[in-house]
Amino acid sequence: MFESSLPDIPRIYTALTEWIACIICVYPIKKEINRRFVIISILTLLGQIALQLLVANWPLMLWIPGMLLNILWMGLTIYLLAELHPSMLFM
């Protein structure tokens, strides 16, 4: 159908840009970059890559659930990196 007209962007690039967006969101909140921040950053990047590779072969019908899963992962990344209190999640 129209799938041939879609750009074939490598999944790793997509994961990297989504992870960088999370880092940019956390940057104004986080006052210091410590060892915990670096470790969680690396782990969440690896998780983002794994998620992109996992959903790469999902049928088009599951595109929206895949996007929702990705949004949840990015929210978790921001939550962990910014060290937010659970009460701040829905503000």
N, C-alpha and C. Protein backbone atom coordinates (compact mmCIF):
# COMPACT_ATOMS: atom_id res chain seq x y z
N MET A 1 0.84 -1.17 0.00
CA MET A 1 0.00 0.00 0.00
C MET A 1 0.88 1.24 0.00
N PHE A 2 0.83 2.07 1.04
CA PHE A 2 1.62 3.28 1.09
C PHE A 2 2.91 3.09 1.87
N GLU A 3 3.18 1.88 2.33
CA GLU A 3 4.37 1.62 3.13
C GLU A 3 5.65 1.87 2.35
N SER A 4 5.62 1.70 1.04
CA SER A 4 6.82 1.90 0.24
C SER A 4 7.23 3.37 0.18
N SER A 5 6.30 4.28 0.44
CA SER A 5 6.63 5.70 0.40
C SER A 5 7.14 6.24 1.74
N LEU A 6 7.09 5.40 2.77
CA LEU A 6 7.58 5.84 4.08
C LEU A 6 9.10 5.77 4.12
N PRO A 7 9.74 6.74 4.78
CA PRO A 7 11.20 6.68 4.88
C PRO A 7 11.63 5.52 5.78
N ASP A 8 12.73 4.92 5.43
CA ASP A 8 13.25 3.79 6.21
C ASP A 8 14.35 4.30 7.14
N ILE A 9 13.94 4.98 8.20
CA ILE A 9 14.88 5.53 9.17
C ILE A 9 15.33 4.40 10.09
N PRO A 10 16.63 4.21 10.25
CA PRO A 10 17.10 3.14 11.14
C PRO A 10 16.56 3.30 12.56
N ARG A 11 16.18 2.19 13.15
CA ARG A 11 15.58 2.19 14.49
C ARG A 11 16.52 2.76 15.54
N ILE A 12 17.81 2.55 15.38
CA ILE A 12 18.77 3.06 16.37
C ILE A 12 18.77 4.59 16.36
N TYR A 13 18.65 5.20 15.18
CA TYR A 13 18.58 6.67 15.11
C TYR A 13 17.32 7.19 15.79
N THR A 14 16.22 6.50 15.59
CA THR A 14 14.97 6.89 16.23
C THR A 14 15.10 6.79 17.74
N ALA A 15 15.66 5.69 18.23
CA ALA A 15 15.84 5.51 19.67
C ALA A 15 16.76 6.59 20.23
N LEU A 16 17.83 6.90 19.52
CA LEU A 16 18.77 7.91 19.99
C LEU A 16 18.12 9.29 20.07
N THR A 17 17.34 9.66 19.07
CA THR A 17 16.71 10.98 19.10
C THR A 17 15.64 11.07 20.20
N GLU A 18 14.92 9.99 20.43
CA GLU A 18 13.92 10.00 21.51
C GLU A 18 14.61 10.10 22.86
N TRP A 19 15.72 9.41 23.04
CA TRP A 19 16.47 9.46 24.28
C TRP A 19 17.06 10.86 24.50
N ILE A 20 17.59 11.47 23.44
CA ILE A 20 18.13 12.83 23.55
C ILE A 20 17.03 13.81 23.92
N ALA A 21 15.83 13.62 23.39
CA ALA A 21 14.70 14.48 23.76
C ALA A 21 14.42 14.39 25.26
N CYS A 22 14.52 13.19 25.81
CA CYS A 22 14.32 13.01 27.26
C CYS A 22 15.41 13.72 28.04
N ILE A 23 16.66 13.61 27.58
CA ILE A 23 17.78 14.28 28.25
C ILE A 23 17.57 15.79 28.23
N ILE A 24 17.11 16.32 27.10
CA ILE A 24 16.86 17.76 27.00
C ILE A 24 15.76 18.19 27.96
N CYS A 25 14.73 17.37 28.13
CA CYS A 25 13.66 17.69 29.07
C CYS A 25 14.15 17.68 30.51
N VAL A 26 15.08 16.80 30.82
CA VAL A 26 15.57 16.66 32.20
C VAL A 26 16.62 17.73 32.52
N TYR A 27 17.32 18.21 31.53
CA TYR A 27 18.44 19.13 31.75
C TYR A 27 18.10 20.33 32.63
N PRO A 28 16.98 21.04 32.43
CA PRO A 28 16.69 22.18 33.31
C PRO A 28 16.33 21.78 34.74
N ILE A 29 15.86 20.55 34.93
CA ILE A 29 15.44 20.08 36.26
C ILE A 29 16.63 19.60 37.08
N LYS A 30 17.52 18.89 36.42
CA LYS A 30 18.64 18.24 37.11
C LYS A 30 19.74 19.26 37.36
N LYS A 31 20.15 19.37 38.62
CA LYS A 31 21.17 20.35 38.98
C LYS A 31 22.59 19.80 38.84
N GLU A 32 22.75 18.50 39.07
CA GLU A 32 24.09 17.93 38.98
C GLU A 32 24.04 16.59 38.24
N ILE A 33 25.10 16.33 37.54
CA ILE A 33 25.23 15.06 36.82
C ILE A 33 26.14 14.17 37.66
N ASN A 34 25.55 13.13 38.24
CA ASN A 34 26.33 12.22 39.07
C ASN A 34 26.41 10.84 38.42
N ARG A 35 27.03 9.93 39.13
CA ARG A 35 27.22 8.58 38.60
C ARG A 35 25.87 7.88 38.34
N ARG A 36 24.93 8.06 39.25
CA ARG A 36 23.60 7.47 39.09
C ARG A 36 22.95 7.94 37.79
N PHE A 37 23.04 9.23 37.52
CA PHE A 37 22.47 9.81 36.31
C PHE A 37 23.08 9.18 35.06
N VAL A 38 24.39 9.04 35.06
CA VAL A 38 25.08 8.46 33.90
C VAL A 38 24.67 7.01 33.68
N ILE A 39 24.62 6.23 34.77
CA ILE A 39 24.25 4.82 34.66
C ILE A 39 22.82 4.66 34.16
N ILE A 40 21.90 5.43 34.75
CA ILE A 40 20.50 5.35 34.32
C ILE A 40 20.35 5.84 32.88
N SER A 41 21.11 6.85 32.50
CA SER A 41 21.07 7.34 31.12
C SER A 41 21.46 6.24 30.14
N ILE A 42 22.54 5.55 30.44
CA ILE A 42 23.00 4.48 29.56
C ILE A 42 21.97 3.34 29.50
N LEU A 43 21.44 2.97 30.66
CA LEU A 43 20.46 1.87 30.70
C LEU A 43 19.18 2.23 29.95
N THR A 44 18.72 3.47 30.11
CA THR A 44 17.49 3.86 29.41
C THR A 44 17.72 3.97 27.90
N LEU A 45 18.92 4.37 27.50
CA LEU A 45 19.23 4.39 26.06
C LEU A 45 19.21 2.97 25.50
N LEU A 46 19.83 2.04 26.22
CA LEU A 46 19.81 0.64 25.77
C LEU A 46 18.39 0.09 25.73
N GLY A 47 17.58 0.47 26.72
CA GLY A 47 16.18 0.05 26.73
C GLY A 47 15.40 0.64 25.57
N GLN A 48 15.69 1.90 25.24
CA GLN A 48 15.01 2.55 24.11
C GLN A 48 15.37 1.86 22.80
N ILE A 49 16.64 1.51 22.65
CA ILE A 49 17.07 0.79 21.45
C ILE A 49 16.38 -0.58 21.38
N ALA A 50 16.37 -1.28 22.51
CA ALA A 50 15.73 -2.60 22.55
C ALA A 50 14.24 -2.50 22.21
N LEU A 51 13.59 -1.48 22.73
CA LEU A 51 12.16 -1.28 22.44
C LEU A 51 11.94 -1.05 20.94
N GLN A 52 12.77 -0.21 20.34
CA GLN A 52 12.64 0.06 18.91
C GLN A 52 12.86 -1.20 18.07
N LEU A 53 13.84 -2.00 18.47
CA LEU A 53 14.10 -3.24 17.73
C LEU A 53 12.98 -4.25 17.95
N LEU A 54 12.38 -4.24 19.13
CA LEU A 54 11.28 -5.16 19.44
C LEU A 54 10.06 -4.88 18.57
N VAL A 55 9.70 -3.61 18.45
CA VAL A 55 8.48 -3.27 17.72
C VAL A 55 8.71 -3.09 16.22
N ALA A 56 9.94 -3.28 15.77
CA ALA A 56 10.26 -3.08 14.35
C ALA A 56 9.43 -3.96 13.42
N ASN A 57 9.11 -5.14 13.86
CA ASN A 57 8.39 -6.07 12.99
C ASN A 57 6.92 -6.23 13.35
N TRP A 58 6.42 -5.37 14.20
CA TRP A 58 5.00 -5.42 14.53
C TRP A 58 4.19 -5.02 13.30
N PRO A 59 3.01 -5.59 13.14
CA PRO A 59 2.17 -5.18 12.00
C PRO A 59 1.70 -3.73 12.16
N LEU A 60 1.35 -3.14 11.05
CA LEU A 60 0.90 -1.75 11.04
C LEU A 60 -0.30 -1.53 11.96
N MET A 61 -1.10 -2.56 12.13
CA MET A 61 -2.27 -2.48 13.00
C MET A 61 -1.88 -2.17 14.46
N LEU A 62 -0.67 -2.53 14.86
CA LEU A 62 -0.20 -2.30 16.23
C LEU A 62 0.65 -1.04 16.36
N TRP A 63 0.60 -0.16 15.37
CA TRP A 63 1.41 1.05 15.41
C TRP A 63 1.05 1.94 16.61
N ILE A 64 -0.24 2.16 16.85
CA ILE A 64 -0.66 3.02 17.97
C ILE A 64 -0.27 2.41 19.31
N PRO A 65 -0.52 1.12 19.58
CA PRO A 65 -0.03 0.56 20.84
C PRO A 65 1.50 0.66 20.98
N GLY A 66 2.21 0.52 19.87
CA GLY A 66 3.66 0.68 19.91
C GLY A 66 4.07 2.09 20.28
N MET A 67 3.36 3.07 19.74
CA MET A 67 3.64 4.47 20.08
C MET A 67 3.33 4.74 21.55
N LEU A 68 2.23 4.19 22.05
CA LEU A 68 1.89 4.37 23.46
C LEU A 68 2.94 3.74 24.37
N LEU A 69 3.42 2.58 23.98
CA LEU A 69 4.49 1.92 24.74
C LEU A 69 5.75 2.78 24.74
N ASN A 70 6.05 3.38 23.62
CA ASN A 70 7.22 4.25 23.51
C ASN A 70 7.06 5.51 24.37
N ILE A 71 5.87 6.08 24.38
CA ILE A 71 5.61 7.26 25.22
C ILE A 71 5.78 6.91 26.69
N LEU A 72 5.29 5.75 27.08
CA LEU A 72 5.47 5.31 28.47
C LEU A 72 6.94 5.14 28.81
N TRP A 73 7.71 4.57 27.88
CA TRP A 73 9.15 4.39 28.13
C TRP A 73 9.85 5.74 28.28
N MET A 74 9.50 6.69 27.43
CA MET A 74 10.11 8.02 27.53
C MET A 74 9.72 8.70 28.83
N GLY A 75 8.46 8.53 29.26
CA GLY A 75 8.03 9.08 30.55
C GLY A 75 8.79 8.46 31.70
N LEU A 76 9.01 7.16 31.64
CA LEU A 76 9.79 6.48 32.67
C LEU A 76 11.23 6.99 32.68
N THR A 77 11.78 7.21 31.51
CA THR A 77 13.15 7.74 31.41
C THR A 77 13.25 9.10 32.09
N ILE A 78 12.31 9.99 31.80
CA ILE A 78 12.32 11.32 32.41
C ILE A 78 12.12 11.21 33.91
N TYR A 79 11.20 10.36 34.33
CA TYR A 79 10.93 10.16 35.76
C TYR A 79 12.19 9.69 36.50
N LEU A 80 12.87 8.71 35.93
CA LEU A 80 14.06 8.18 36.60
C LEU A 80 15.23 9.16 36.59
N LEU A 81 15.43 9.85 35.48
CA LEU A 81 16.56 10.76 35.38
C LEU A 81 16.36 12.03 36.20
N ALA A 82 15.14 12.53 36.25
CA ALA A 82 14.87 13.77 36.99
C ALA A 82 14.67 13.51 38.47
N GLU A 83 14.57 12.23 38.85
CA GLU A 83 14.34 11.84 40.24
C GLU A 83 13.10 12.54 40.80
N LEU A 84 12.02 12.46 40.04
CA LEU A 84 10.77 13.10 40.45
C LEU A 84 10.09 12.31 41.55
N HIS A 85 9.36 13.00 42.37
CA HIS A 85 8.55 12.36 43.40
C HIS A 85 7.27 11.86 42.72
N PRO A 86 6.77 10.68 43.11
CA PRO A 86 5.57 10.14 42.45
C PRO A 86 4.38 11.11 42.42
N SER A 87 4.27 11.97 43.41
CA SER A 87 3.14 12.91 43.43
C SER A 87 3.24 13.96 42.32
N MET A 88 4.42 14.11 41.70
CA MET A 88 4.61 15.10 40.64
C MET A 88 4.26 14.54 39.26
N LEU A 89 3.93 13.27 39.18
CA LEU A 89 3.71 12.65 37.88
C LEU A 89 2.54 13.23 37.12
N PHE A 90 1.48 13.57 37.80
CA PHE A 90 0.26 14.00 37.11
C PHE A 90 -0.01 15.49 37.31
N MET A 91 1.00 16.26 37.52
CA MET A 91 0.83 17.70 37.70
C MET A 91 0.87 18.40 36.37
